[in-house]
Amino acid sequence: MIIGVVASTAALAPARRTRRLEIRVVAAFVMGCAVVALHYTGMAGVRVTLDPSLPAPEGMTVMSLLFPAFVLGIIVLAVPITALLLASDPEDAVRDARLGQWASEAERQVDRDPVTGSHM
């Protein structure tokens, strides 16, 4: 736990105080190293002893356990992403109106006679 607290503090403190990309990249690298260190430390503490005289464990397979979670995760991610992509932005309507106004003004200028300035 000490590794996580120290490393995340070391990574997040400079990342919050600056907008410079270089420092944020270094902070992200430090955070990535902290995650790796936490997992490595946890796995280093695991000791496994196999007893060949015991029967093979029974129960759910890994796929039957994880597949519903995988499908649920995809749905949980896909629904909000799709909703965000399909949602209209009020700024788009303003932009479309300005573009239409600009196009109609440009069309009116093209229709004018360059010599007299009147419409053809």
PDB file of N, CA and C in Angstrom:
ATOM      1  N   MET A   1       0.819  -1.185   0.000  1.00  0.00           N
ATOM      2  CA  MET A   1       0.000   0.000   0.000  1.00  0.00           C
ATOM      3  C   MET A   1       0.868   1.256   0.000  1.00  0.00           C
ATOM      4  N   ILE A   2       1.994   1.181   0.651  1.00  0.00           N
ATOM      5  CA  ILE A   2       2.892   2.332   0.698  1.00  0.00           C
ATOM      6  C   ILE A   2       3.382   2.677  -0.705  1.00  0.00           C
ATOM      7  N   ILE A   3       3.665   1.637  -1.505  1.00  0.00           N
ATOM      8  CA  ILE A   3       4.114   1.874  -2.883  1.00  0.00           C
ATOM      9  C   ILE A   3       3.058   2.655  -3.648  1.00  0.00           C
ATOM     10  N   GLY A   4       1.806   2.257  -3.509  1.00  0.00           N
ATOM     11  CA  GLY A   4       0.725   2.925  -4.233  1.00  0.00           C
ATOM     12  C   GLY A   4       0.537   4.370  -3.826  1.00  0.00           C
ATOM     13  N   VAL A   5       0.559   4.632  -2.542  1.00  0.00           N
ATOM     14  CA  VAL A   5       0.355   6.000  -2.048  1.00  0.00           C
ATOM     15  C   VAL A   5       1.505   6.906  -2.479  1.00  0.00           C
ATOM     16  N   VAL A   6       2.724   6.442  -2.287  1.00  0.00           N
ATOM     17  CA  VAL A   6       3.881   7.273  -2.622  1.00  0.00           C
ATOM     18  C   VAL A   6       3.975   7.493  -4.130  1.00  0.00           C
ATOM     19  N   ALA A   7       3.845   6.426  -4.903  1.00  0.00           N
ATOM     20  CA  ALA A   7       3.995   6.553  -6.350  1.00  0.00           C
ATOM     21  C   ALA A   7       2.866   7.371  -6.973  1.00  0.00           C
ATOM     22  N   SER A   8       1.641   7.170  -6.510  1.00  0.00           N
ATOM     23  CA  SER A   8       0.548   7.952  -7.094  1.00  0.00           C
ATOM     24  C   SER A   8       0.653   9.422  -6.705  1.00  0.00           C
ATOM     25  N   THR A   9       1.103   9.700  -5.495  1.00  0.00           N
ATOM     26  CA  THR A   9       1.322  11.095  -5.100  1.00  0.00           C
ATOM     27  C   THR A   9       2.432  11.715  -5.943  1.00  0.00           C
ATOM     28  N   ALA A  10       3.503  10.952  -6.167  1.00  0.00           N
ATOM     29  CA  ALA A  10       4.615  11.455  -6.983  1.00  0.00           C
ATOM     30  C   ALA A  10       4.183  11.679  -8.428  1.00  0.00           C
ATOM     31  N   ALA A  11       3.241  10.912  -8.911  1.00  0.00           N
ATOM     32  CA  ALA A  11       2.794  11.066 -10.295  1.00  0.00           C
ATOM     33  C   ALA A  11       1.738  12.146 -10.442  1.00  0.00           C
ATOM     34  N   LEU A  12       0.787  12.191  -9.519  1.00  0.00           N
ATOM     35  CA  LEU A  12      -0.339  13.110  -9.678  1.00  0.00           C
ATOM     36  C   LEU A  12      -0.037  14.543  -9.248  1.00  0.00           C
ATOM     37  N   ALA A  13       0.872  14.729  -8.308  1.00  0.00           N
ATOM     38  CA  ALA A  13       1.180  16.079  -7.837  1.00  0.00           C
ATOM     39  C   ALA A  13       1.702  16.978  -8.958  1.00  0.00           C
ATOM     40  N   PRO A  14       2.734  16.568  -9.708  1.00  0.00           N
ATOM     41  CA  PRO A  14       3.186  17.457 -10.786  1.00  0.00           C
ATOM     42  C   PRO A  14       2.192  17.536 -11.946  1.00  0.00           C
ATOM     43  N   ALA A  15       1.440  16.477 -12.179  1.00  0.00           N
ATOM     44  CA  ALA A  15       0.484  16.488 -13.290  1.00  0.00           C
ATOM     45  C   ALA A  15      -0.638  17.483 -13.044  1.00  0.00           C
ATOM     46  N   ARG A  16      -1.020  17.695 -11.796  1.00  0.00           N
ATOM     47  CA  ARG A  16      -2.092  18.643 -11.480  1.00  0.00           C
ATOM     48  C   ARG A  16      -1.630  20.086 -11.543  1.00  0.00           C
ATOM     49  N   ARG A  17      -0.339  20.315 -11.345  1.00  0.00           N
ATOM     50  CA  ARG A  17       0.162  21.688 -11.233  1.00  0.00           C
ATOM     51  C   ARG A  17       0.604  22.297 -12.556  1.00  0.00           C
ATOM     52  N   THR A  18       0.645  21.512 -13.616  1.00  0.00           N
ATOM     53  CA  THR A  18       1.168  22.047 -14.870  1.00  0.00           C
ATOM     54  C   THR A  18       0.287  21.656 -16.041  1.00  0.00           C
ATOM     55  N   ARG A  19       0.440  22.396 -17.112  1.00  0.00           N
ATOM     56  CA  ARG A  19      -0.239  22.068 -18.358  1.00  0.00           C
ATOM     57  C   ARG A  19       0.759  21.603 -19.418  1.00  0.00           C
ATOM     58  N   ARG A  20       2.028  21.572 -19.052  1.00  0.00           N
ATOM     59  CA  ARG A  20       3.057  21.155 -20.015  1.00  0.00           C
ATOM     60  C   ARG A  20       2.930  19.668 -20.301  1.00  0.00           C
ATOM     61  N   LEU A  21       2.907  19.346 -21.579  1.00  0.00           N
ATOM     62  CA  LEU A  21       2.717  17.974 -22.015  1.00  0.00           C
ATOM     63  C   LEU A  21       3.855  17.071 -21.553  1.00  0.00           C
ATOM     64  N   GLU A  22       5.084  17.573 -21.579  1.00  0.00           N
ATOM     65  CA  GLU A  22       6.239  16.747 -21.213  1.00  0.00           C
ATOM     66  C   GLU A  22       6.128  16.261 -19.762  1.00  0.00           C
ATOM     67  N   ILE A  23       5.729  17.157 -18.875  1.00  0.00           N
ATOM     68  CA  ILE A  23       5.618  16.789 -17.462  1.00  0.00           C
ATOM     69  C   ILE A  23       4.466  15.813 -17.260  1.00  0.00           C
ATOM     70  N   ARG A  24       3.377  16.003 -17.978  1.00  0.00           N
ATOM     71  CA  ARG A  24       2.245  15.086 -17.860  1.00  0.00           C
ATOM     72  C   ARG A  24       2.594  13.703 -18.401  1.00  0.00           C
ATOM     73  N   VAL A  25       3.389  13.639 -19.451  1.00  0.00           N
ATOM     74  CA  VAL A  25       3.822  12.344 -19.986  1.00  0.00           C
ATOM     75  C   VAL A  25       4.712  11.639 -18.966  1.00  0.00           C
ATOM     76  N   VAL A  26       5.626  12.371 -18.358  1.00  0.00           N
ATOM     77  CA  VAL A  26       6.488  11.776 -17.322  1.00  0.00           C
ATOM     78  C   VAL A  26       5.638  11.302 -16.143  1.00  0.00           C
ATOM     79  N   ALA A  27       4.647  12.098 -15.746  1.00  0.00           N
ATOM     80  CA  ALA A  27       3.768  11.703 -14.634  1.00  0.00           C
ATOM     81  C   ALA A  27       2.981  10.444 -14.996  1.00  0.00           C
ATOM     82  N   ALA A  28       2.517  10.348 -16.234  1.00  0.00           N
ATOM     83  CA  ALA A  28       1.798   9.145 -16.666  1.00  0.00           C
ATOM     84  C   ALA A  28       2.724   7.936 -16.650  1.00  0.00           C
ATOM     85  N   PHE A  29       3.970   8.127 -17.045  1.00  0.00           N
ATOM     86  CA  PHE A  29       4.949   7.041 -17.013  1.00  0.00           C
ATOM     87  C   PHE A  29       5.204   6.590 -15.574  1.00  0.00           C
ATOM     88  N   VAL A  30       5.333   7.550 -14.658  1.00  0.00           N
ATOM     89  CA  VAL A  30       5.540   7.218 -13.242  1.00  0.00           C
ATOM     90  C   VAL A  30       4.331   6.447 -12.706  1.00  0.00           C
ATOM     91  N   MET A  31       3.123   6.860 -13.075  1.00  0.00           N
ATOM     92  CA  MET A  31       1.925   6.155 -12.622  1.00  0.00           C
ATOM     93  C   MET A  31       1.881   4.747 -13.193  1.00  0.00           C
ATOM     94  N   GLY A  32       2.256   4.586 -14.445  1.00  0.00           N
ATOM     95  CA  GLY A  32       2.311   3.252 -15.044  1.00  0.00           C
ATOM     96  C   GLY A  32       3.316   2.366 -14.326  1.00  0.00           C
ATOM     97  N   CYS A  33       4.468   2.921 -14.016  1.00  0.00           N
ATOM     98  CA  CYS A  33       5.481   2.161 -13.267  1.00  0.00           C
ATOM     99  C   CYS A  33       4.969   1.799 -11.870  1.00  0.00           C
ATOM    100  N   ALA A  34       4.193   2.683 -11.265  1.00  0.00           N
ATOM    101  CA  ALA A  34       3.631   2.390  -9.943  1.00  0.00           C
ATOM    102  C   ALA A  34       2.658   1.223 -10.016  1.00  0.00           C
ATOM    103  N   VAL A  35       1.833   1.186 -11.048  1.00  0.00           N
ATOM    104  CA  VAL A  35       0.890   0.076 -11.207  1.00  0.00           C
ATOM    105  C   VAL A  35       1.652  -1.236 -11.399  1.00  0.00           C
ATOM    106  N   VAL A  36       2.680  -1.205 -12.240  1.00  0.00           N
ATOM    107  CA  VAL A  36       3.489  -2.404 -12.463  1.00  0.00           C
ATOM    108  C   VAL A  36       4.157  -2.834 -11.160  1.00  0.00           C
ATOM    109  N   ALA A  37       4.698  -1.892 -10.407  1.00  0.00           N
ATOM    110  CA  ALA A  37       5.374  -2.217  -9.144  1.00  0.00           C
ATOM    111  C   ALA A  37       4.402  -2.822  -8.139  1.00  0.00           C
ATOM    112  N   LEU A  38       3.179  -2.273  -8.079  1.00  0.00           N
ATOM    113  CA  LEU A  38       2.185  -2.829  -7.163  1.00  0.00           C
ATOM    114  C   LEU A  38       1.845  -4.269  -7.524  1.00  0.00           C
ATOM    115  N   HIS A  39       1.616  -4.522  -8.814  1.00  0.00           N
ATOM    116  CA  HIS A  39       1.278  -5.875  -9.231  1.00  0.00           C
ATOM    117  C   HIS A  39       2.461  -6.823  -9.043  1.00  0.00           C
ATOM    118  N   TYR A  40       3.647  -6.369  -9.363  1.00  0.00           N
ATOM    119  CA  TYR A  40       4.829  -7.217  -9.184  1.00  0.00           C
ATOM    120  C   TYR A  40       5.033  -7.544  -7.708  1.00  0.00           C
ATOM    121  N   THR A  41       4.879  -6.569  -6.836  1.00  0.00           N
ATOM    122  CA  THR A  41       5.045  -6.802  -5.403  1.00  0.00           C
ATOM    123  C   THR A  41       3.990  -7.776  -4.892  1.00  0.00           C
ATOM    124  N   GLY A  42       2.760  -7.619  -5.343  1.00  0.00           N
ATOM    125  CA  GLY A  42       1.702  -8.540  -4.925  1.00  0.00           C
ATOM    126  C   GLY A  42       1.960  -9.961  -5.399  1.00  0.00           C
ATOM    127  N   MET A  43       2.392 -10.113  -6.635  1.00  0.00           N
ATOM    128  CA  MET A  43       2.661 -11.448  -7.167  1.00  0.00           C
ATOM    129  C   MET A  43       3.912 -12.060  -6.552  1.00  0.00           C
ATOM    130  N   ALA A  44       4.857 -11.237  -6.154  1.00  0.00           N
ATOM    131  CA  ALA A  44       6.062 -11.755  -5.506  1.00  0.00           C
ATOM    132  C   ALA A  44       5.726 -12.372  -4.152  1.00  0.00           C
ATOM    133  N   GLY A  45       4.650 -11.927  -3.546  1.00  0.00           N
ATOM    134  CA  GLY A  45       4.253 -12.464  -2.253  1.00  0.00           C
ATOM    135  C   GLY A  45       3.434 -13.742  -2.342  1.00  0.00           C
ATOM    136  N   VAL A  46       3.074 -14.166  -3.546  1.00  0.00           N
ATOM    137  CA  VAL A  46       2.251 -15.364  -3.711  1.00  0.00           C
ATOM    138  C   VAL A  46       3.145 -16.601  -3.717  1.00  0.00           C
ATOM    139  N   ARG A  47       2.758 -17.596  -2.941  1.00  0.00           N
ATOM    140  CA  ARG A  47       3.454 -18.884  -2.920  1.00  0.00           C
ATOM    141  C   ARG A  47       2.420 -19.964  -3.213  1.00  0.00           C
ATOM    142  N   VAL A  48       2.684 -20.798  -4.194  1.00  0.00           N
ATOM    143  CA  VAL A  48       1.759 -21.849  -4.592  1.00  0.00           C
ATOM    144  C   VAL A  48       2.465 -23.191  -4.486  1.00  0.00           C
ATOM    145  N   THR A  49       1.784 -24.117  -3.873  1.00  0.00           N
ATOM    146  CA  THR A  49       2.294 -25.485  -3.783  1.00  0.00           C
ATOM    147  C   THR A  49       1.236 -26.416  -4.352  1.00  0.00           C
ATOM    148  N   LEU A  50       1.603 -27.173  -5.379  1.00  0.00           N
ATOM    149  CA  LEU A  50       0.666 -28.100  -6.003  1.00  0.00           C
ATOM    150  C   LEU A  50       0.747 -29.456  -5.320  1.00  0.00           C
ATOM    151  N   ASP A  51      -0.398 -30.047  -5.056  1.00  0.00           N
ATOM    152  CA  ASP A  51      -0.465 -31.397  -4.491  1.00  0.00           C
ATOM    153  C   ASP A  51      -1.070 -32.301  -5.555  1.00  0.00           C
ATOM    154  N   PRO A  52      -0.255 -33.121  -6.205  1.00  0.00           N
ATOM    155  CA  PRO A  52      -0.768 -33.953  -7.299  1.00  0.00           C
ATOM    156  C   PRO A  52      -1.743 -35.029  -6.841  1.00  0.00           C
ATOM    157  N   SER A  53      -1.833 -35.305  -5.553  1.00  0.00           N
ATOM    158  CA  SER A  53      -2.753 -36.346  -5.082  1.00  0.00           C
ATOM    159  C   SER A  53      -4.200 -35.849  -5.006  1.00  0.00           C
ATOM    160  N   LEU A  54      -4.415 -34.563  -5.050  1.00  0.00           N
ATOM    161  CA  LEU A  54      -5.771 -34.004  -4.977  1.00  0.00           C
ATOM    162  C   LEU A  54      -6.442 -34.066  -6.339  1.00  0.00           C
ATOM    163  N   PRO A  55      -7.783 -34.221  -6.372  1.00  0.00           N
ATOM    164  CA  PRO A  55      -8.489 -34.238  -7.662  1.00  0.00           C
ATOM    165  C   PRO A  55      -8.512 -32.836  -8.274  1.00  0.00           C
ATOM    166  N   ALA A  56      -8.744 -32.782  -9.576  1.00  0.00           N
ATOM    167  CA  ALA A  56      -8.845 -31.501 -10.274  1.00  0.00           C
ATOM    168  C   ALA A  56     -10.065 -30.745  -9.750  1.00  0.00           C
ATOM    169  N   PRO A  57      -9.964 -29.460  -9.583  1.00  0.00           N
ATOM    170  CA  PRO A  57     -11.112 -28.699  -9.071  1.00  0.00           C
ATOM    171  C   PRO A  57     -12.261 -28.690 -10.066  1.00  0.00           C
ATOM    172  N   GLU A  58     -13.449 -28.692  -9.532  1.00  0.00           N
ATOM    173  CA  GLU A  58     -14.648 -28.653 -10.371  1.00  0.00           C
ATOM    174  C   GLU A  58     -15.320 -27.302 -10.204  1.00  0.00           C
ATOM    175  N   GLY A  59     -16.191 -26.985 -11.130  1.00  0.00           N
ATOM    176  CA  GLY A  59     -16.928 -25.734 -11.042  1.00  0.00           C
ATOM    177  C   GLY A  59     -16.963 -25.031 -12.384  1.00  0.00           C
ATOM    178  N   MET A  60     -17.205 -23.754 -12.324  1.00  0.00           N
ATOM    179  CA  MET A  60     -17.328 -22.967 -13.548  1.00  0.00           C
ATOM    180  C   MET A  60     -15.978 -22.833 -14.246  1.00  0.00           C
ATOM    181  N   THR A  61     -16.035 -22.821 -15.574  1.00  0.00           N
ATOM    182  CA  THR A  61     -14.820 -22.551 -16.330  1.00  0.00           C
ATOM    183  C   THR A  61     -14.599 -21.040 -16.362  1.00  0.00           C
ATOM    184  N   VAL A  62     -13.420 -20.658 -16.732  1.00  0.00           N
ATOM    185  CA  VAL A  62     -13.109 -19.231 -16.784  1.00  0.00           C
ATOM    186  C   VAL A  62     -14.005 -18.526 -17.797  1.00  0.00           C
ATOM    187  N   MET A  63     -14.213 -19.137 -18.958  1.00  0.00           N
ATOM    188  CA  MET A  63     -15.042 -18.493 -19.981  1.00  0.00           C
ATOM    189  C   MET A  63     -16.497 -18.357 -19.533  1.00  0.00           C
ATOM    190  N   SER A  64     -17.036 -19.383 -18.881  1.00  0.00           N
ATOM    191  CA  SER A  64     -18.433 -19.281 -18.449  1.00  0.00           C
ATOM    192  C   SER A  64     -18.590 -18.237 -17.340  1.00  0.00           C
ATOM    193  N   LEU A  65     -17.535 -17.957 -16.629  1.00  0.00           N
ATOM    194  CA  LEU A  65     -17.581 -16.937 -15.588  1.00  0.00           C
ATOM    195  C   LEU A  65     -17.394 -15.532 -16.160  1.00  0.00           C
ATOM    196  N   LEU A  66     -16.450 -15.377 -17.088  1.00  0.00           N
ATOM    197  CA  LEU A  66     -16.097 -14.051 -17.579  1.00  0.00           C
ATOM    198  C   LEU A  66     -16.911 -13.588 -18.785  1.00  0.00           C
ATOM    199  N   PHE A  67     -17.478 -14.497 -19.556  1.00  0.00           N
ATOM    200  CA  PHE A  67     -18.197 -14.080 -20.764  1.00  0.00           C
ATOM    201  C   PHE A  67     -19.371 -13.156 -20.458  1.00  0.00           C
ATOM    202  N   PRO A  68     -20.226 -13.461 -19.472  1.00  0.00           N
ATOM    203  CA  PRO A  68     -21.311 -12.503 -19.157  1.00  0.00           C
ATOM    204  C   PRO A  68     -20.775 -11.136 -18.730  1.00  0.00           C
ATOM    205  N   ALA A  69     -19.681 -11.124 -17.983  1.00  0.00           N
ATOM    206  CA  ALA A  69     -19.096  -9.844 -17.572  1.00  0.00           C
ATOM    207  C   ALA A  69     -18.555  -9.091 -18.790  1.00  0.00           C
ATOM    208  N   PHE A  70     -17.981  -9.817 -19.734  1.00  0.00           N
ATOM    209  CA  PHE A  70     -17.473  -9.202 -20.960  1.00  0.00           C
ATOM    210  C   PHE A  70     -18.615  -8.579 -21.759  1.00  0.00           C
ATOM    211  N   VAL A  71     -19.687  -9.317 -21.941  1.00  0.00           N
ATOM    212  CA  VAL A  71     -20.843  -8.800 -22.695  1.00  0.00           C
ATOM    213  C   VAL A  71     -21.440  -7.596 -21.981  1.00  0.00           C
ATOM    214  N   LEU A  72     -21.602  -7.693 -20.677  1.00  0.00           N
ATOM    215  CA  LEU A  72     -22.148  -6.575 -19.915  1.00  0.00           C
ATOM    216  C   LEU A  72     -21.238  -5.355 -20.014  1.00  0.00           C
ATOM    217  N   GLY A  73     -19.932  -5.564 -19.963  1.00  0.00           N
ATOM    218  CA  GLY A  73     -18.985  -4.455 -20.087  1.00  0.00           C
ATOM    219  C   GLY A  73     -19.086  -3.773 -21.437  1.00  0.00           C
ATOM    220  N   ILE A  74     -19.219  -4.566 -22.501  1.00  0.00           N
ATOM    221  CA  ILE A  74     -19.369  -3.997 -23.850  1.00  0.00           C
ATOM    222  C   ILE A  74     -20.645  -3.156 -23.923  1.00  0.00           C
ATOM    223  N   ILE A  75     -21.725  -3.666 -23.373  1.00  0.00           N
ATOM    224  CA  ILE A  75     -22.992  -2.922 -23.404  1.00  0.00           C
ATOM    225  C   ILE A  75     -22.880  -1.639 -22.592  1.00  0.00           C
ATOM    226  N   VAL A  76     -22.273  -1.735 -21.414  1.00  0.00           N
ATOM    227  CA  VAL A  76     -22.125  -0.560 -20.558  1.00  0.00           C
ATOM    228  C   VAL A  76     -21.280   0.510 -21.242  1.00  0.00           C
ATOM    229  N   LEU A  77     -20.313   0.108 -22.043  1.00  0.00           N
ATOM    230  CA  LEU A  77     -19.497   1.081 -22.766  1.00  0.00           C
ATOM    231  C   LEU A  77     -20.177   1.559 -24.045  1.00  0.00           C
ATOM    232  N   ALA A  78     -20.826   0.646 -24.764  1.00  0.00           N
ATOM    233  CA  ALA A  78     -21.381   0.984 -26.073  1.00  0.00           C
ATOM    234  C   ALA A  78     -22.572   1.922 -25.979  1.00  0.00           C
ATOM    235  N   VAL A  79     -23.432   1.732 -25.006  1.00  0.00           N
ATOM    236  CA  VAL A  79     -24.646   2.552 -24.920  1.00  0.00           C
ATOM    237  C   VAL A  79     -24.330   4.027 -24.683  1.00  0.00           C
ATOM    238  N   PRO A  80     -23.509   4.391 -23.688  1.00  0.00           N
ATOM    239  CA  PRO A  80     -23.236   5.823 -23.510  1.00  0.00           C
ATOM    240  C   PRO A  80     -22.429   6.425 -24.656  1.00  0.00           C
ATOM    241  N   ILE A  81     -21.504   5.655 -25.216  1.00  0.00           N
ATOM    242  CA  ILE A  81     -20.713   6.179 -26.334  1.00  0.00           C
ATOM    243  C   ILE A  81     -21.627   6.451 -27.517  1.00  0.00           C
ATOM    244  N   THR A  82     -22.531   5.527 -27.822  1.00  0.00           N
ATOM    245  CA  THR A  82     -23.476   5.729 -28.923  1.00  0.00           C
ATOM    246  C   THR A  82     -24.381   6.923 -28.637  1.00  0.00           C
ATOM    247  N   ALA A  83     -24.843   7.056 -27.413  1.00  0.00           N
ATOM    248  CA  ALA A  83     -25.702   8.197 -27.060  1.00  0.00           C
ATOM    249  C   ALA A  83     -24.956   9.513 -27.235  1.00  0.00           C
ATOM    250  N   LEU A  84     -23.695   9.549 -26.852  1.00  0.00           N
ATOM    251  CA  LEU A  84     -22.916  10.776 -27.021  1.00  0.00           C
ATOM    252  C   LEU A  84     -22.679  11.096 -28.494  1.00  0.00           C
ATOM    253  N   LEU A  85     -22.444  10.063 -29.289  1.00  0.00           N
ATOM    254  CA  LEU A  85     -22.213  10.300 -30.712  1.00  0.00           C
ATOM    255  C   LEU A  85     -23.475  10.745 -31.437  1.00  0.00           C
ATOM    256  N   LEU A  86     -24.618  10.290 -30.981  1.00  0.00           N
ATOM    257  CA  LEU A  86     -25.870  10.643 -31.654  1.00  0.00           C
ATOM    258  C   LEU A  86     -26.494  11.930 -31.124  1.00  0.00           C
ATOM    259  N   ALA A  87     -26.068  12.396 -29.974  1.00  0.00           N
ATOM    260  CA  ALA A  87     -26.633  13.610 -29.385  1.00  0.00           C
ATOM    261  C   ALA A  87     -26.231  14.824 -30.220  1.00  0.00           C
ATOM    262  N   SER A  88     -27.180  15.708 -30.425  1.00  0.00           N
ATOM    263  CA  SER A  88     -26.873  16.907 -31.198  1.00  0.00           C
ATOM    264  C   SER A  88     -26.304  17.977 -30.265  1.00  0.00           C
ATOM    265  N   ASP A  89     -25.406  18.736 -30.807  1.00  0.00           N
ATOM    266  CA  ASP A  89     -24.770  19.807 -30.059  1.00  0.00           C
ATOM    267  C   ASP A  89     -25.433  21.129 -30.433  1.00  0.00           C
ATOM    268  N   PRO A  90     -25.851  21.940 -29.485  1.00  0.00           N
ATOM    269  CA  PRO A  90     -26.480  23.222 -29.826  1.00  0.00           C
ATOM    270  C   PRO A  90     -25.565  24.115 -30.659  1.00  0.00           C
ATOM    271  N   GLU A  91     -24.273  23.991 -30.473  1.00  0.00           N
ATOM    272  CA  GLU A  91     -23.341  24.798 -31.262  1.00  0.00           C
ATOM    273  C   GLU A  91     -23.369  24.397 -32.733  1.00  0.00           C
ATOM    274  N   ASP A  92     -23.710  23.121 -33.022  1.00  0.00           N
ATOM    275  CA  ASP A  92     -23.803  22.687 -34.412  1.00  0.00           C
ATOM    276  C   ASP A  92     -24.907  23.434 -35.144  1.00  0.00           C
ATOM    277  N   ALA A  93     -26.037  23.644 -34.481  1.00  0.00           N
ATOM    278  CA  ALA A  93     -27.143  24.373 -35.107  1.00  0.00           C
ATOM    279  C   ALA A  93     -26.730  25.808 -35.404  1.00  0.00           C
ATOM    280  N   VAL A  94     -26.033  26.444 -34.476  1.00  0.00           N
ATOM    281  CA  VAL A  94     -25.563  27.818 -34.688  1.00  0.00           C
ATOM    282  C   VAL A  94     -24.577  27.847 -35.843  1.00  0.00           C
ATOM    283  N   ARG A  95     -23.665  26.883 -35.858  1.00  0.00           N
ATOM    284  CA  ARG A  95     -22.668  26.806 -36.931  1.00  0.00           C
ATOM    285  C   ARG A  95     -23.336  26.592 -38.288  1.00  0.00           C
ATOM    286  N   ASP A  96     -24.352  25.707 -38.328  1.00  0.00           N
ATOM    287  CA  ASP A  96     -25.070  25.458 -39.579  1.00  0.00           C
ATOM    288  C   ASP A  96     -25.797  26.715 -40.055  1.00  0.00           C
ATOM    289  N   ALA A  97     -26.396  27.469 -39.133  1.00  0.00           N
ATOM    290  CA  ALA A  97     -27.099  28.698 -39.510  1.00  0.00           C
ATOM    291  C   ALA A  97     -26.119  29.723 -40.065  1.00  0.00           C
ATOM    292  N   ARG A  98     -24.969  29.860 -39.419  1.00  0.00           N
ATOM    293  CA  ARG A  98     -23.965  30.811 -39.911  1.00  0.00           C
ATOM    294  C   ARG A  98     -23.432  30.392 -41.280  1.00  0.00           C
ATOM    295  N   LEU A  99     -23.228  29.100 -41.462  1.00  0.00           N
ATOM    296  CA  LEU A  99     -22.737  28.603 -42.743  1.00  0.00           C
ATOM    297  C   LEU A  99     -23.765  28.843 -43.834  1.00  0.00           C
ATOM    298  N   GLY A 100     -25.049  28.617 -43.512  1.00  0.00           N
ATOM    299  CA  GLY A 100     -26.108  28.884 -44.493  1.00  0.00           C
ATOM    300  C   GLY A 100     -26.184  30.363 -44.842  1.00  0.00           C
ATOM    301  N   GLN A 101     -26.031  31.225 -43.846  1.00  0.00           N
ATOM    302  CA  GLN A 101     -26.057  32.670 -44.087  1.00  0.00           C
ATOM    303  C   GLN A 101     -24.873  33.078 -44.952  1.00  0.00           C
ATOM    304  N   TRP A 102     -23.703  32.547 -44.646  1.00  0.00           N
ATOM    305  CA  TRP A 102     -22.513  32.862 -45.428  1.00  0.00           C
ATOM    306  C   TRP A 102     -22.660  32.377 -46.861  1.00  0.00           C
ATOM    307  N   ALA A 103     -23.230  31.182 -47.062  1.00  0.00           N
ATOM    308  CA  ALA A 103     -23.409  30.641 -48.407  1.00  0.00           C
ATOM    309  C   ALA A 103     -24.397  31.472 -49.208  1.00  0.00           C
ATOM    310  N   SER A 104     -25.468  31.923 -48.559  1.00  0.00           N
ATOM    311  CA  SER A 104     -26.446  32.735 -49.298  1.00  0.00           C
ATOM    312  C   SER A 104     -25.858  34.099 -49.656  1.00  0.00           C
ATOM    313  N   GLU A 105     -25.050  34.685 -48.765  1.00  0.00           N
ATOM    314  CA  GLU A 105     -24.390  35.952 -49.087  1.00  0.00           C
ATOM    315  C   GLU A 105     -23.396  35.772 -50.225  1.00  0.00           C
ATOM    316  N   ALA A 106     -22.648  34.681 -50.194  1.00  0.00           N
ATOM    317  CA  ALA A 106     -21.679  34.421 -51.267  1.00  0.00           C
ATOM    318  C   ALA A 106     -22.398  34.196 -52.588  1.00  0.00           C
ATOM    319  N   GLU A 107     -23.536  33.526 -52.553  1.00  0.00           N
ATOM    320  CA  GLU A 107     -24.306  33.273 -53.767  1.00  0.00           C
ATOM    321  C   GLU A 107     -24.865  34.576 -54.333  1.00  0.00           C
ATOM    322  N   ARG A 108     -25.316  35.483 -53.445  1.00  0.00           N
ATOM    323  CA  ARG A 108     -25.813  36.777 -53.905  1.00  0.00           C
ATOM    324  C   ARG A 108     -24.718  37.598 -54.559  1.00  0.00           C
ATOM    325  N   GLN A 109     -23.498  37.509 -54.015  1.00  0.00           N
ATOM    326  CA  GLN A 109     -22.387  38.263 -54.592  1.00  0.00           C
ATOM    327  C   GLN A 109     -21.987  37.695 -55.945  1.00  0.00           C
ATOM    328  N   VAL A 110     -22.085  36.400 -56.137  1.00  0.00           N
ATOM    329  CA  VAL A 110     -21.741  35.783 -57.424  1.00  0.00           C
ATOM    330  C   VAL A 110     -22.771  36.158 -58.469  1.00  0.00           C
ATOM    331  N   ASP A 111     -24.045  36.274 -58.073  1.00  0.00           N
ATOM    332  CA  ASP A 111     -25.113  36.611 -59.011  1.00  0.00           C
ATOM    333  C   ASP A 111     -25.048  38.063 -59.477  1.00  0.00           C
ATOM    334  N   ARG A 112     -24.337  38.936 -58.779  1.00  0.00           N
ATOM    335  CA  ARG A 112     -24.276  40.355 -59.155  1.00  0.00           C
ATOM    336  C   ARG A 112     -23.379  40.550 -60.378  1.00  0.00           C
ATOM    337  N   ASP A 113     -23.723  41.544 -61.173  1.00  0.00           N
ATOM    338  CA  ASP A 113     -22.917  41.929 -62.338  1.00  0.00           C
ATOM    339  C   ASP A 113     -21.695  42.676 -61.832  1.00  0.00           C
ATOM    340  N   PRO A 114     -20.478  42.237 -62.193  1.00  0.00           N
ATOM    341  CA  PRO A 114     -19.282  42.890 -61.675  1.00  0.00           C
ATOM    342  C   PRO A 114     -19.133  44.345 -62.112  1.00  0.00           C
ATOM    343  N   VAL A 115     -19.719  44.742 -63.238  1.00  0.00           N
ATOM    344  CA  VAL A 115     -19.566  46.114 -63.733  1.00  0.00           C
ATOM    345  C   VAL A 115     -20.538  47.050 -63.034  1.00  0.00           C
ATOM    346  N   THR A 116     -21.809  46.685 -63.036  1.00  0.00           N
ATOM    347  CA  THR A 116     -22.832  47.580 -62.493  1.00  0.00           C
ATOM    348  C   THR A 116     -23.114  47.320 -61.021  1.00  0.00           C
ATOM    349  N   GLY A 117     -22.821  46.116 -60.536  1.00  0.00           N
ATOM    350  CA  GLY A 117     -23.100  45.763 -59.158  1.00  0.00           C
ATOM    351  C   GLY A 117     -24.533  45.342 -58.953  1.00  0.00           C
ATOM    352  N   SER A 118     -25.315  45.266 -60.053  1.00  0.00           N
ATOM    353  CA  SER A 118     -26.704  44.837 -59.924  1.00  0.00           C
ATOM    354  C   SER A 118     -26.820  43.336 -60.206  1.00  0.00           C
ATOM    355  N   HIS A 119     -27.969  42.785 -59.823  1.00  0.00           N
ATOM    356  CA  HIS A 119     -28.210  41.366 -60.058  1.00  0.00           C
ATOM    357  C   HIS A 119     -28.408  41.095 -61.518  1.00  0.00           C
ATOM    358  N   MET A 120     -27.953  39.938 -61.969  1.00  0.00           N
ATOM    359  CA  MET A 120     -28.123  39.542 -63.378  1.00  0.00           C
ATOM    360  C   MET A 120     -29.462  38.904 -63.605  1.00  0.00           C
TER     361      MET A 120
END
